[in-house]
Each structure stands twice: as structure tokens, then as C-alpha cells.
């Protein structure tokens, strides 16, 4: 499986993965998904897709890949929620945090939550560019932990299930998995934006009737 670029690297990673116990692979994938919430530029989706790619080559279980990445991501959501709830705006004012969570992304998620509540958080978690900001906004909004974590965890489950299923479907070629991941992100961006627009239209219409 040597493509025009990166084939040798992928071959090396596959050879390394083949020699690892599955538990170590799942732990690495869980850590990657966990860090997505703390370090938003981290390409966690690529890591999850690679887990599905390994599963397609029978080096991992697709169910275990999904479980490890989803649980790791939910743990990251909870950690970010607790940190922001305790430290509040002072944490978000730090230069490094401000670069990782831009004010415009936070404001977009805050606006969606103010209008649509848990549904807004759920949809924002599916939209690339807003996804990483959702736990912080939920904490700043003063939501109870259960009401905040539940829609975010559900959205992450949907997203990771889609990534794993797509990676398994494409299967054997890493370049095809990468291309499909780009398409998935684009599709979720369009669908999420369309749903938010529909909710906004319904909210506006209800307000005018009221």
C-alpha cells in the first residue's frame, strides 16, 4: 500500500500497529480523542479515522475503536467543562487559550445555545470550527453538568460512529479514508448549518407570532 506520498510512512505505522497489543492501540486512540477538547487544533478526526482503517485491516475491532474514542472524548468534554466552570473567563482570557478557542467561535455557540438550548449545543458540536468551543460555552452558560454533557456526548457519539463506519466502508486505502473524512466534515458542516438555520427561522417566526 504505497501511494504517491506518505505510503512508506503508512506502511511503517501499520507494521508498528501490527506488533502492538490491541489494548495499547485503544488507549492511544482514547488519549487522542481526549486531547481534542483541550487542544482543538489536534487533528483528532484523522486519528479516529486511522483507528477505523486499522479495524478494516483486522488490526483492531471497530466497536472497540468507537468505544475507546467516544469515551476518551466524553472524558475530555467533562474535564474542559469542569475547568472552565471553576476558572471561568480568566482562563479563556489567557493568550494561548484564546488562540485555541477564538472568541468568534465561543460567541457563535453561545448564541446558538441562547436560542435553542440543548439542541443548539448538540448541533454546534457537529459543526467543524465550533465543535471545540461547546464544552467551554456550556460551562460559561452555567448549565448543570448533566444537561451540558448529555447533548455533547450524544453529538460526539454520532460523529465518531460516522467516522468509524466510513473508515470501515472505504477500508483498505488510507488516501481514500482521508478523502472521505474531508467529505464527512463538509457534509456535517452543511447539515449542521442548515439545521441551525431552520431552528433560527422557527425561533424567529414563533417570536413574531408571540
N, C-alpha and C. Protein backbone atom coordinates (compact mmCIF):
# COMPACT_ATOMS: atom_id res chain seq x y z
N UNK A 1 0.84 -1.19 0.00
CA UNK A 1 0.00 0.00 0.00
C UNK A 1 0.87 1.24 0.00
N UNK A 2 1.50 1.47 -1.13
CA UNK A 2 2.37 2.63 -1.25
C UNK A 2 1.77 3.60 -2.25
N UNK A 3 1.31 4.74 -1.73
CA UNK A 3 0.73 5.75 -2.58
C UNK A 3 1.80 6.70 -3.06
N UNK A 4 1.39 7.75 -3.79
CA UNK A 4 2.35 8.69 -4.31
C UNK A 4 3.04 9.50 -3.23
N UNK A 5 2.39 9.65 -2.07
CA UNK A 5 3.01 10.41 -0.98
C UNK A 5 2.61 9.78 0.33
N UNK A 6 3.59 9.56 1.20
CA UNK A 6 3.29 9.06 2.54
C UNK A 6 3.08 7.58 2.63
N UNK A 7 3.18 6.85 1.49
CA UNK A 7 2.92 5.42 1.53
C UNK A 7 3.87 4.69 2.44
N UNK A 8 5.16 5.03 2.37
CA UNK A 8 6.14 4.38 3.22
C UNK A 8 5.87 4.62 4.69
N UNK A 9 5.46 5.83 5.03
CA UNK A 9 5.13 6.15 6.42
C UNK A 9 3.95 5.31 6.89
N UNK A 10 2.92 5.24 6.08
CA UNK A 10 1.74 4.46 6.46
C UNK A 10 2.10 2.99 6.62
N UNK A 11 2.92 2.47 5.71
CA UNK A 11 3.37 1.08 5.83
C UNK A 11 4.09 0.86 7.16
N UNK A 12 4.93 1.84 7.53
CA UNK A 12 5.67 1.71 8.78
C UNK A 12 4.75 1.73 9.99
N UNK A 13 3.75 2.62 9.96
CA UNK A 13 2.80 2.69 11.07
C UNK A 13 1.99 1.41 11.16
N UNK A 14 1.58 0.87 10.01
CA UNK A 14 0.83 -0.39 10.02
C UNK A 14 1.67 -1.52 10.58
N UNK A 15 2.94 -1.54 10.21
CA UNK A 15 3.83 -2.57 10.74
C UNK A 15 3.98 -2.44 12.25
N UNK A 16 4.10 -1.19 12.71
CA UNK A 16 4.20 -0.94 14.15
C UNK A 16 2.90 -1.37 14.85
N UNK A 17 1.74 -0.98 14.27
CA UNK A 17 0.45 -1.30 14.88
C UNK A 17 0.23 -2.80 14.97
N UNK A 18 0.71 -3.51 13.95
CA UNK A 18 0.52 -4.96 13.94
C UNK A 18 1.25 -5.64 15.09
N UNK A 19 2.30 -4.99 15.59
CA UNK A 19 3.07 -5.58 16.69
C UNK A 19 2.63 -5.13 18.06
N UNK A 20 1.58 -4.30 18.14
CA UNK A 20 1.11 -3.78 19.42
C UNK A 20 -0.07 -4.58 19.95
N UNK A 21 -0.19 -4.72 21.26
CA UNK A 21 -1.42 -5.32 21.81
C UNK A 21 -2.59 -4.38 21.56
N UNK A 22 -3.77 -4.91 21.22
CA UNK A 22 -4.92 -4.04 20.92
C UNK A 22 -5.21 -3.03 22.03
N UNK A 23 -5.02 -3.44 23.28
CA UNK A 23 -5.32 -2.52 24.38
C UNK A 23 -4.49 -1.24 24.29
N UNK A 24 -3.24 -1.35 23.85
CA UNK A 24 -2.40 -0.16 23.73
C UNK A 24 -2.90 0.74 22.61
N UNK A 25 -3.32 0.16 21.50
CA UNK A 25 -3.87 0.96 20.40
C UNK A 25 -5.12 1.70 20.85
N UNK A 26 -6.00 1.02 21.57
CA UNK A 26 -7.23 1.67 22.02
C UNK A 26 -6.94 2.79 23.01
N UNK A 27 -5.94 2.58 23.86
CA UNK A 27 -5.57 3.61 24.82
C UNK A 27 -5.04 4.86 24.10
N UNK A 28 -4.23 4.66 23.07
CA UNK A 28 -3.71 5.78 22.30
C UNK A 28 -4.83 6.53 21.59
N UNK A 29 -5.76 5.79 21.02
CA UNK A 29 -6.89 6.43 20.34
C UNK A 29 -7.74 7.21 21.34
N UNK A 30 -7.96 6.64 22.52
CA UNK A 30 -8.74 7.33 23.55
C UNK A 30 -8.04 8.62 23.98
N UNK A 31 -6.72 8.56 24.14
CA UNK A 31 -5.96 9.76 24.52
C UNK A 31 -6.06 10.83 23.45
N UNK A 32 -6.00 10.41 22.19
CA UNK A 32 -6.11 11.36 21.08
C UNK A 32 -7.46 12.06 21.10
N UNK A 33 -8.53 11.28 21.30
CA UNK A 33 -9.88 11.85 21.34
C UNK A 33 -10.06 12.74 22.57
N UNK A 34 -9.45 12.36 23.68
CA UNK A 34 -9.50 13.18 24.90
C UNK A 34 -8.87 14.55 24.65
N UNK A 35 -7.70 14.56 24.01
CA UNK A 35 -6.96 15.80 23.82
C UNK A 35 -7.62 16.73 22.81
N UNK A 36 -8.53 16.21 21.98
CA UNK A 36 -9.21 17.07 21.02
C UNK A 36 -9.89 18.23 21.71
N UNK A 37 -10.42 18.00 22.91
CA UNK A 37 -11.14 19.04 23.63
C UNK A 37 -10.21 20.06 24.27
N UNK A 38 -9.00 19.63 24.63
CA UNK A 38 -8.06 20.53 25.29
C UNK A 38 -7.15 21.24 24.30
N UNK A 39 -6.90 20.60 23.15
CA UNK A 39 -6.02 21.17 22.13
C UNK A 39 -6.77 21.10 20.80
N UNK A 40 -7.70 22.03 20.54
CA UNK A 40 -8.56 21.94 19.36
C UNK A 40 -7.84 21.77 18.02
N UNK A 41 -6.64 22.36 17.81
CA UNK A 41 -6.00 22.15 16.50
C UNK A 41 -5.57 20.71 16.25
N UNK A 42 -5.55 19.88 17.30
CA UNK A 42 -5.16 18.48 17.13
C UNK A 42 -6.12 17.80 16.15
N UNK A 43 -5.59 17.14 15.11
CA UNK A 43 -6.47 16.50 14.11
C UNK A 43 -7.03 15.19 14.62
N UNK A 44 -7.88 15.26 15.64
CA UNK A 44 -8.39 14.04 16.27
C UNK A 44 -9.20 13.19 15.30
N UNK A 45 -9.92 13.84 14.38
CA UNK A 45 -10.72 13.09 13.42
C UNK A 45 -9.84 12.15 12.61
N UNK A 46 -8.65 12.63 12.26
CA UNK A 46 -7.73 11.79 11.50
C UNK A 46 -7.31 10.58 12.32
N UNK A 47 -7.09 10.79 13.62
CA UNK A 47 -6.72 9.67 14.48
C UNK A 47 -7.83 8.64 14.57
N UNK A 48 -9.09 9.10 14.67
CA UNK A 48 -10.22 8.18 14.74
C UNK A 48 -10.36 7.43 13.43
N UNK A 49 -10.22 8.15 12.32
CA UNK A 49 -10.32 7.51 11.01
C UNK A 49 -9.22 6.47 10.85
N UNK A 50 -8.04 6.76 11.39
CA UNK A 50 -6.96 5.78 11.28
C UNK A 50 -7.28 4.53 12.11
N UNK A 51 -7.94 4.72 13.25
CA UNK A 51 -8.38 3.57 14.02
C UNK A 51 -9.33 2.69 13.23
N UNK A 52 -10.26 3.33 12.49
CA UNK A 52 -11.18 2.57 11.64
C UNK A 52 -10.42 1.88 10.51
N UNK A 53 -9.42 2.55 10.00
CA UNK A 53 -8.58 1.98 8.95
C UNK A 53 -7.86 0.73 9.45
N UNK A 54 -7.36 0.79 10.69
CA UNK A 54 -6.73 -0.40 11.28
C UNK A 54 -7.75 -1.51 11.46
N UNK A 55 -8.98 -1.13 11.84
CA UNK A 55 -10.02 -2.14 12.01
C UNK A 55 -10.35 -2.81 10.68
N UNK A 56 -10.37 -2.02 9.61
CA UNK A 56 -10.65 -2.58 8.29
C UNK A 56 -9.57 -3.58 7.88
N UNK A 57 -8.36 -3.41 8.41
CA UNK A 57 -7.27 -4.35 8.12
C UNK A 57 -7.15 -5.42 9.21
N UNK A 58 -8.18 -5.50 10.04
CA UNK A 58 -8.28 -6.52 11.08
C UNK A 58 -7.14 -6.42 12.11
N UNK A 59 -6.67 -5.20 12.33
CA UNK A 59 -5.69 -4.95 13.38
C UNK A 59 -6.36 -4.38 14.64
N UNK A 60 -7.65 -4.15 14.57
CA UNK A 60 -8.41 -3.62 15.72
C UNK A 60 -9.87 -3.97 15.49
N UNK A 61 -10.66 -3.82 16.56
CA UNK A 61 -12.11 -4.02 16.47
C UNK A 61 -12.80 -2.68 16.24
N UNK A 62 -13.68 -2.58 15.25
CA UNK A 62 -14.36 -1.30 15.03
C UNK A 62 -15.19 -0.86 16.24
N UNK A 63 -15.79 -1.83 16.94
CA UNK A 63 -16.58 -1.49 18.12
C UNK A 63 -15.69 -0.94 19.23
N UNK A 64 -14.51 -1.55 19.40
CA UNK A 64 -13.59 -1.07 20.43
C UNK A 64 -13.00 0.28 20.04
N UNK A 65 -12.75 0.50 18.75
CA UNK A 65 -12.27 1.81 18.29
C UNK A 65 -13.29 2.87 18.62
N UNK A 66 -14.56 2.60 18.31
CA UNK A 66 -15.62 3.57 18.62
C UNK A 66 -15.72 3.81 20.12
N UNK A 67 -15.76 2.73 20.91
CA UNK A 67 -15.92 2.87 22.36
C UNK A 67 -14.76 3.65 22.97
N UNK A 68 -13.52 3.33 22.56
CA UNK A 68 -12.35 3.99 23.13
C UNK A 68 -12.34 5.48 22.80
N UNK A 69 -12.61 5.80 21.53
CA UNK A 69 -12.55 7.21 21.12
C UNK A 69 -13.71 8.01 21.71
N UNK A 70 -14.88 7.40 21.75
CA UNK A 70 -16.03 8.14 22.30
C UNK A 70 -15.86 8.39 23.79
N UNK A 71 -15.47 7.36 24.53
CA UNK A 71 -15.28 7.53 25.98
C UNK A 71 -14.15 8.52 26.26
N UNK A 72 -13.07 8.45 25.48
CA UNK A 72 -11.99 9.41 25.66
C UNK A 72 -12.46 10.83 25.40
N UNK A 73 -13.29 11.01 24.36
CA UNK A 73 -13.79 12.33 24.04
C UNK A 73 -14.73 12.86 25.11
N UNK A 74 -15.61 12.00 25.61
CA UNK A 74 -16.52 12.43 26.67
C UNK A 74 -15.74 12.82 27.93
N UNK A 75 -14.69 12.07 28.24
CA UNK A 75 -13.84 12.44 29.38
C UNK A 75 -13.24 13.83 29.17
N UNK A 76 -12.80 14.12 27.94
CA UNK A 76 -12.26 15.45 27.64
C UNK A 76 -13.30 16.53 27.78
N UNK A 77 -14.52 16.26 27.33
CA UNK A 77 -15.62 17.22 27.49
C UNK A 77 -15.82 17.57 28.97
N UNK A 78 -15.84 16.55 29.80
CA UNK A 78 -16.07 16.76 31.23
C UNK A 78 -14.94 17.57 31.85
N UNK A 79 -13.69 17.26 31.49
CA UNK A 79 -12.55 17.99 32.04
C UNK A 79 -12.60 19.46 31.66
N UNK A 80 -12.87 19.74 30.38
CA UNK A 80 -12.96 21.14 29.95
C UNK A 80 -14.11 21.85 30.65
N UNK A 81 -15.24 21.18 30.75
CA UNK A 81 -16.40 21.78 31.41
C UNK A 81 -16.07 22.15 32.86
N UNK A 82 -15.44 21.23 33.58
CA UNK A 82 -15.11 21.48 34.98
C UNK A 82 -14.08 22.60 35.11
N UNK A 83 -13.04 22.60 34.27
CA UNK A 83 -12.01 23.63 34.33
C UNK A 83 -12.59 25.02 34.08
N UNK A 84 -13.41 25.13 33.02
CA UNK A 84 -13.98 26.44 32.69
C UNK A 84 -14.99 26.86 33.75
N UNK A 85 -15.75 25.92 34.28
CA UNK A 85 -16.71 26.26 35.33
C UNK A 85 -15.99 26.82 36.56
N UNK A 86 -14.83 26.24 36.88
CA UNK A 86 -14.11 26.67 38.09
C UNK A 86 -13.30 27.95 37.85
N UNK A 87 -12.66 28.02 36.68
CA UNK A 87 -11.75 29.14 36.43
C UNK A 87 -12.41 30.27 35.65
N UNK A 88 -13.47 29.95 34.89
CA UNK A 88 -14.28 30.94 34.22
C UNK A 88 -13.55 31.78 33.20
N UNK A 89 -14.01 33.03 33.02
CA UNK A 89 -13.47 33.92 32.00
C UNK A 89 -11.96 34.15 32.12
N UNK A 90 -11.43 34.07 33.33
CA UNK A 90 -9.98 34.29 33.49
C UNK A 90 -9.18 33.28 32.68
N UNK A 91 -9.67 32.05 32.62
CA UNK A 91 -8.97 31.03 31.83
C UNK A 91 -9.05 31.34 30.35
N UNK A 92 -10.23 31.73 29.87
CA UNK A 92 -10.41 32.00 28.45
C UNK A 92 -9.68 33.26 28.01
N UNK A 93 -9.33 34.13 28.96
CA UNK A 93 -8.61 35.35 28.61
C UNK A 93 -7.12 35.11 28.39
N UNK A 94 -6.61 33.96 28.78
CA UNK A 94 -5.20 33.66 28.57
C UNK A 94 -4.90 33.58 27.08
N UNK A 95 -3.78 34.15 26.63
CA UNK A 95 -3.48 34.21 25.18
C UNK A 95 -3.52 32.86 24.50
N UNK A 96 -2.93 31.84 25.13
CA UNK A 96 -2.90 30.52 24.48
C UNK A 96 -4.30 29.96 24.33
N UNK A 97 -5.10 30.06 25.39
CA UNK A 97 -6.47 29.56 25.34
C UNK A 97 -7.29 30.35 24.32
N UNK A 98 -7.06 31.66 24.26
CA UNK A 98 -7.80 32.49 23.31
C UNK A 98 -7.48 32.10 21.87
N UNK A 99 -6.25 31.67 21.62
CA UNK A 99 -5.90 31.21 20.27
C UNK A 99 -6.55 29.87 19.96
N UNK A 100 -6.62 29.00 20.96
CA UNK A 100 -7.21 27.69 20.74
C UNK A 100 -8.73 27.75 20.63
N UNK A 101 -9.35 28.67 21.37
CA UNK A 101 -10.80 28.85 21.36
C UNK A 101 -11.11 30.30 20.99
N UNK A 102 -11.14 30.63 19.71
CA UNK A 102 -11.36 32.02 19.30
C UNK A 102 -12.68 32.57 19.82
N UNK A 103 -12.69 33.86 20.10
CA UNK A 103 -13.88 34.50 20.65
C UNK A 103 -15.08 34.35 19.72
N UNK A 104 -14.84 34.39 18.40
CA UNK A 104 -15.96 34.29 17.46
C UNK A 104 -16.63 32.92 17.55
N UNK A 105 -15.84 31.87 17.76
CA UNK A 105 -16.42 30.53 17.89
C UNK A 105 -17.23 30.43 19.17
N UNK A 106 -16.67 30.96 20.26
CA UNK A 106 -17.40 30.94 21.53
C UNK A 106 -18.71 31.70 21.43
N UNK A 107 -18.67 32.86 20.76
CA UNK A 107 -19.87 33.68 20.64
C UNK A 107 -20.93 32.98 19.79
N UNK A 108 -20.49 32.31 18.73
CA UNK A 108 -21.44 31.60 17.87
C UNK A 108 -22.15 30.49 18.63
N UNK A 109 -21.38 29.72 19.41
CA UNK A 109 -22.00 28.64 20.19
C UNK A 109 -22.89 29.22 21.28
N UNK A 110 -22.44 30.29 21.94
CA UNK A 110 -23.24 30.93 23.00
C UNK A 110 -24.57 31.43 22.42
N UNK A 111 -24.53 32.00 21.23
CA UNK A 111 -25.75 32.50 20.59
C UNK A 111 -26.71 31.35 20.27
N UNK A 112 -26.14 30.26 19.74
CA UNK A 112 -26.99 29.11 19.40
C UNK A 112 -27.61 28.50 20.66
N UNK A 113 -26.84 28.46 21.75
CA UNK A 113 -27.41 27.91 22.98
C UNK A 113 -28.52 28.81 23.51
N UNK A 114 -28.29 30.13 23.47
CA UNK A 114 -29.30 31.06 23.98
C UNK A 114 -30.62 30.90 23.23
N UNK A 115 -30.53 30.58 21.95
CA UNK A 115 -31.76 30.43 21.16
C UNK A 115 -32.39 29.05 21.30
N UNK A 116 -31.55 28.01 21.25
CA UNK A 116 -32.09 26.66 21.07
C UNK A 116 -31.79 25.70 22.22
N UNK A 117 -31.07 26.15 23.24
CA UNK A 117 -30.80 25.29 24.38
C UNK A 117 -29.95 24.09 24.03
N UNK A 118 -30.31 22.92 24.54
CA UNK A 118 -29.52 21.71 24.34
C UNK A 118 -29.41 21.34 22.86
N UNK A 119 -30.47 21.62 22.08
CA UNK A 119 -30.41 21.33 20.65
C UNK A 119 -29.32 22.15 19.97
N UNK A 120 -29.14 23.40 20.42
CA UNK A 120 -28.09 24.24 19.86
C UNK A 120 -26.71 23.70 20.18
N UNK A 121 -26.52 23.21 21.42
CA UNK A 121 -25.23 22.61 21.78
C UNK A 121 -24.96 21.36 20.96
N UNK A 122 -25.98 20.53 20.79
CA UNK A 122 -25.84 19.30 20.02
C UNK A 122 -25.40 19.61 18.59
N UNK A 123 -26.09 20.54 17.95
CA UNK A 123 -25.76 20.86 16.56
C UNK A 123 -24.40 21.54 16.45
N UNK A 124 -24.09 22.43 17.39
CA UNK A 124 -22.79 23.11 17.35
C UNK A 124 -21.65 22.11 17.49
N UNK A 125 -21.87 21.06 18.27
CA UNK A 125 -20.83 20.03 18.45
C UNK A 125 -20.55 19.28 17.16
N UNK A 126 -21.48 19.30 16.23
CA UNK A 126 -21.29 18.61 14.96
C UNK A 126 -20.66 19.49 13.88
N UNK A 127 -20.58 20.80 14.14
CA UNK A 127 -20.11 21.73 13.12
C UNK A 127 -18.61 21.97 13.28
N UNK A 128 -17.80 21.62 12.27
CA UNK A 128 -16.36 21.92 12.35
C UNK A 128 -16.14 23.42 12.56
N UNK A 129 -15.20 23.74 13.43
CA UNK A 129 -14.93 25.13 13.75
C UNK A 129 -15.63 25.59 15.01
N UNK A 130 -16.77 24.99 15.32
CA UNK A 130 -17.50 25.30 16.56
C UNK A 130 -17.36 24.18 17.58
N UNK A 131 -17.03 22.99 17.10
CA UNK A 131 -17.06 21.78 17.93
C UNK A 131 -16.27 21.95 19.23
N UNK A 132 -15.04 22.47 19.12
CA UNK A 132 -14.17 22.53 20.29
C UNK A 132 -14.66 23.53 21.33
N UNK A 133 -15.46 24.52 20.91
CA UNK A 133 -15.88 25.57 21.83
C UNK A 133 -17.06 25.16 22.70
N UNK A 134 -17.76 24.09 22.34
CA UNK A 134 -19.03 23.79 23.00
C UNK A 134 -18.92 23.47 24.49
N UNK A 135 -17.94 22.67 24.96
CA UNK A 135 -17.89 22.44 26.42
C UNK A 135 -17.64 23.72 27.21
N UNK A 136 -16.77 24.59 26.69
CA UNK A 136 -16.48 25.85 27.38
C UNK A 136 -17.71 26.73 27.46
N UNK A 137 -18.45 26.82 26.36
CA UNK A 137 -19.65 27.66 26.35
C UNK A 137 -20.70 27.11 27.31
N UNK A 138 -20.86 25.79 27.31
CA UNK A 138 -21.83 25.19 28.23
C UNK A 138 -21.49 25.51 29.67
N UNK A 139 -20.20 25.50 30.01
CA UNK A 139 -19.78 25.83 31.37
C UNK A 139 -20.03 27.30 31.67
N UNK A 140 -19.71 28.19 30.73
CA UNK A 140 -19.91 29.62 30.93
C UNK A 140 -21.39 29.97 31.04
N UNK A 141 -22.23 29.18 30.37
CA UNK A 141 -23.66 29.44 30.42
C UNK A 141 -24.28 29.03 31.75
N UNK A 142 -23.50 28.36 32.61
CA UNK A 142 -24.00 27.96 33.91
C UNK A 142 -24.90 26.74 33.89
N UNK A 143 -24.81 25.94 32.82
CA UNK A 143 -25.64 24.74 32.73
C UNK A 143 -25.23 23.71 33.77
N UNK A 144 -26.19 22.98 34.32
CA UNK A 144 -25.82 21.82 35.13
C UNK A 144 -25.01 20.84 34.29
N UNK A 145 -24.08 20.15 34.92
CA UNK A 145 -23.18 19.27 34.17
C UNK A 145 -23.93 18.24 33.33
N UNK A 146 -24.97 17.63 33.90
CA UNK A 146 -25.70 16.59 33.16
C UNK A 146 -26.36 17.15 31.91
N UNK A 147 -26.96 18.35 32.02
CA UNK A 147 -27.64 18.94 30.88
C UNK A 147 -26.65 19.39 29.81
N UNK A 148 -25.43 19.67 30.20
CA UNK A 148 -24.42 20.08 29.23
C UNK A 148 -23.76 18.89 28.57
N UNK A 149 -23.37 17.91 29.37
CA UNK A 149 -22.60 16.79 28.85
C UNK A 149 -23.45 15.89 27.97
N UNK A 150 -24.71 15.71 28.31
CA UNK A 150 -25.55 14.76 27.57
C UNK A 150 -25.65 15.08 26.08
N UNK A 151 -26.04 16.32 25.67
CA UNK A 151 -26.13 16.58 24.22
C UNK A 151 -24.76 16.56 23.54
N UNK A 152 -23.71 17.00 24.25
CA UNK A 152 -22.38 16.98 23.65
C UNK A 152 -21.89 15.55 23.46
N UNK A 153 -22.15 14.69 24.44
CA UNK A 153 -21.75 13.29 24.32
C UNK A 153 -22.52 12.59 23.21
N UNK A 154 -23.80 12.92 23.09
CA UNK A 154 -24.61 12.31 22.03
C UNK A 154 -24.11 12.74 20.65
N UNK A 155 -23.78 14.02 20.50
CA UNK A 155 -23.26 14.50 19.22
C UNK A 155 -21.92 13.84 18.90
N UNK A 156 -21.06 13.69 19.91
CA UNK A 156 -19.77 13.03 19.68
C UNK A 156 -19.97 11.57 19.28
N UNK A 157 -20.95 10.91 19.90
CA UNK A 157 -21.23 9.52 19.53
C UNK A 157 -21.65 9.42 18.08
N UNK A 158 -22.51 10.33 17.64
CA UNK A 158 -22.95 10.33 16.24
C UNK A 158 -21.78 10.57 15.30
N UNK A 159 -20.94 11.56 15.65
CA UNK A 159 -19.81 11.90 14.78
C UNK A 159 -18.79 10.76 14.71
N UNK A 160 -18.42 10.21 15.84
CA UNK A 160 -17.42 9.14 15.84
C UNK A 160 -17.95 7.88 15.18
N UNK A 161 -19.24 7.60 15.38
CA UNK A 161 -19.83 6.44 14.70
C UNK A 161 -19.78 6.62 13.19
N UNK A 162 -20.03 7.84 12.73
CA UNK A 162 -19.96 8.11 11.28
C UNK A 162 -18.54 7.95 10.76
N UNK A 163 -17.56 8.46 11.52
CA UNK A 163 -16.17 8.37 11.09
C UNK A 163 -15.71 6.91 11.04
N UNK A 164 -16.04 6.14 12.09
CA UNK A 164 -15.62 4.74 12.12
C UNK A 164 -16.30 3.95 11.01
N UNK A 165 -17.60 4.16 10.84
CA UNK A 165 -18.32 3.44 9.79
C UNK A 165 -17.78 3.79 8.41
N UNK A 166 -17.51 5.07 8.19
CA UNK A 166 -16.99 5.49 6.89
C UNK A 166 -15.60 4.91 6.65
N UNK A 167 -14.77 4.94 7.68
CA UNK A 167 -13.42 4.37 7.55
C UNK A 167 -13.45 2.88 7.24
N UNK A 168 -14.38 2.16 7.89
CA UNK A 168 -14.53 0.74 7.62
C UNK A 168 -15.06 0.49 6.22
N UNK A 169 -15.94 1.35 5.77
CA UNK A 169 -16.56 1.18 4.45
C UNK A 169 -15.53 1.36 3.34
N UNK A 170 -14.72 2.42 3.47
CA UNK A 170 -13.69 2.66 2.46
C UNK A 170 -12.62 1.58 2.55
N UNK A 171 -12.19 1.32 3.79
CA UNK A 171 -11.38 0.14 4.06
C UNK A 171 -9.90 0.23 3.84
N UNK A 172 -9.44 -0.24 2.70
CA UNK A 172 -8.06 -0.66 2.57
C UNK A 172 -7.08 0.45 2.21
N UNK A 173 -7.51 1.54 1.64
CA UNK A 173 -6.59 2.57 1.19
C UNK A 173 -6.70 3.82 2.06
N UNK A 174 -5.57 4.20 2.68
CA UNK A 174 -5.57 5.34 3.59
C UNK A 174 -5.92 6.63 2.88
N UNK A 175 -5.45 6.82 1.66
CA UNK A 175 -5.76 8.05 0.93
C UNK A 175 -7.27 8.21 0.73
N UNK A 176 -7.96 7.10 0.50
CA UNK A 176 -9.41 7.16 0.34
C UNK A 176 -10.10 7.48 1.67
N UNK A 177 -9.56 6.95 2.76
CA UNK A 177 -10.11 7.27 4.08
C UNK A 177 -9.97 8.76 4.35
N UNK A 178 -8.81 9.34 4.04
CA UNK A 178 -8.60 10.77 4.25
C UNK A 178 -9.57 11.61 3.43
N UNK A 179 -9.74 11.21 2.16
CA UNK A 179 -10.66 11.95 1.28
C UNK A 179 -12.09 11.87 1.80
N UNK A 180 -12.49 10.69 2.27
CA UNK A 180 -13.83 10.53 2.80
C UNK A 180 -14.03 11.34 4.07
N UNK A 181 -12.98 11.47 4.89
CA UNK A 181 -13.08 12.27 6.12
C UNK A 181 -13.33 13.74 5.78
N UNK A 182 -12.68 14.23 4.74
CA UNK A 182 -12.92 15.61 4.29
C UNK A 182 -14.38 15.77 3.87
N UNK A 183 -14.89 14.79 3.13
CA UNK A 183 -16.28 14.84 2.69
C UNK A 183 -17.24 14.79 3.88
N UNK A 184 -16.91 13.97 4.87
CA UNK A 184 -17.76 13.88 6.07
C UNK A 184 -17.81 15.23 6.79
N UNK A 185 -16.66 15.84 6.97
CA UNK A 185 -16.62 17.15 7.64
C UNK A 185 -17.45 18.17 6.88
N UNK A 186 -17.31 18.15 5.56
CA UNK A 186 -18.08 19.09 4.74
C UNK A 186 -19.57 18.81 4.86
N UNK A 187 -19.93 17.54 4.84
CA UNK A 187 -21.34 17.18 4.93
C UNK A 187 -21.95 17.58 6.27
N UNK A 188 -21.22 17.32 7.36
CA UNK A 188 -21.73 17.70 8.69
C UNK A 188 -21.79 19.22 8.83
N UNK A 189 -20.84 19.93 8.23
CA UNK A 189 -20.86 21.39 8.28
C UNK A 189 -22.12 21.92 7.59
N UNK A 190 -22.41 21.39 6.41
CA UNK A 190 -23.58 21.85 5.66
C UNK A 190 -24.87 21.47 6.39
N UNK A 191 -24.93 20.21 6.85
CA UNK A 191 -26.14 19.75 7.53
C UNK A 191 -26.37 20.51 8.83
N UNK A 192 -25.29 20.69 9.61
CA UNK A 192 -25.41 21.41 10.87
C UNK A 192 -25.83 22.85 10.67
N UNK A 193 -25.22 23.51 9.66
CA UNK A 193 -25.58 24.90 9.38
C UNK A 193 -27.03 25.00 8.91
N UNK A 194 -27.46 24.03 8.09
CA UNK A 194 -28.84 24.05 7.60
C UNK A 194 -29.84 23.85 8.75
N UNK A 195 -29.53 22.92 9.66
CA UNK A 195 -30.42 22.69 10.79
C UNK A 195 -30.48 23.89 11.73
N UNK A 196 -29.31 24.51 11.95
CA UNK A 196 -29.30 25.71 12.79
C UNK A 196 -30.10 26.83 12.14
N UNK A 197 -29.98 26.95 10.81
CA UNK A 197 -30.75 27.98 10.10
C UNK A 197 -32.25 27.70 10.21
N UNK A 198 -32.62 26.42 10.10
CA UNK A 198 -34.04 26.07 10.22
C UNK A 198 -34.57 26.36 11.62
N UNK A 199 -33.76 26.03 12.64
CA UNK A 199 -34.17 26.33 14.01
C UNK A 199 -34.28 27.84 14.23
N UNK A 200 -33.33 28.59 13.65
CA UNK A 200 -33.37 30.05 13.78
C UNK A 200 -34.63 30.62 13.13
N UNK A 201 -34.98 30.08 11.96
CA UNK A 201 -36.19 30.55 11.27
C UNK A 201 -37.43 30.24 12.10
N UNK A 202 -37.47 29.03 12.69
CA UNK A 202 -38.62 28.67 13.52
C UNK A 202 -38.69 29.54 14.76
N UNK A 203 -37.55 29.81 15.38
CA UNK A 203 -37.48 30.66 16.57
C UNK A 203 -37.94 32.07 16.24
N UNK A 204 -37.48 32.61 15.10
CA UNK A 204 -37.86 33.96 14.68
C UNK A 204 -39.35 34.04 14.39
N UNK A 205 -39.88 33.01 13.70
CA UNK A 205 -41.28 33.01 13.35
C UNK A 205 -42.16 32.93 14.60
N UNK A 206 -41.73 32.09 15.56
CA UNK A 206 -42.50 31.98 16.80
C UNK A 206 -42.49 33.30 17.57
N UNK A 207 -41.31 33.98 17.54
CA UNK A 207 -41.22 35.26 18.21
C UNK A 207 -42.12 36.31 17.60
N UNK A 208 -42.25 36.30 16.26
CA UNK A 208 -43.12 37.27 15.62
C UNK A 208 -44.61 37.00 15.92
N UNK A 209 -44.95 35.70 15.98
CA UNK A 209 -46.34 35.37 16.30
C UNK A 209 -46.67 35.73 17.75
N UNK A 210 -45.61 35.62 18.62
CA UNK A 210 -45.84 35.94 20.03
C UNK A 210 -46.01 37.43 20.22
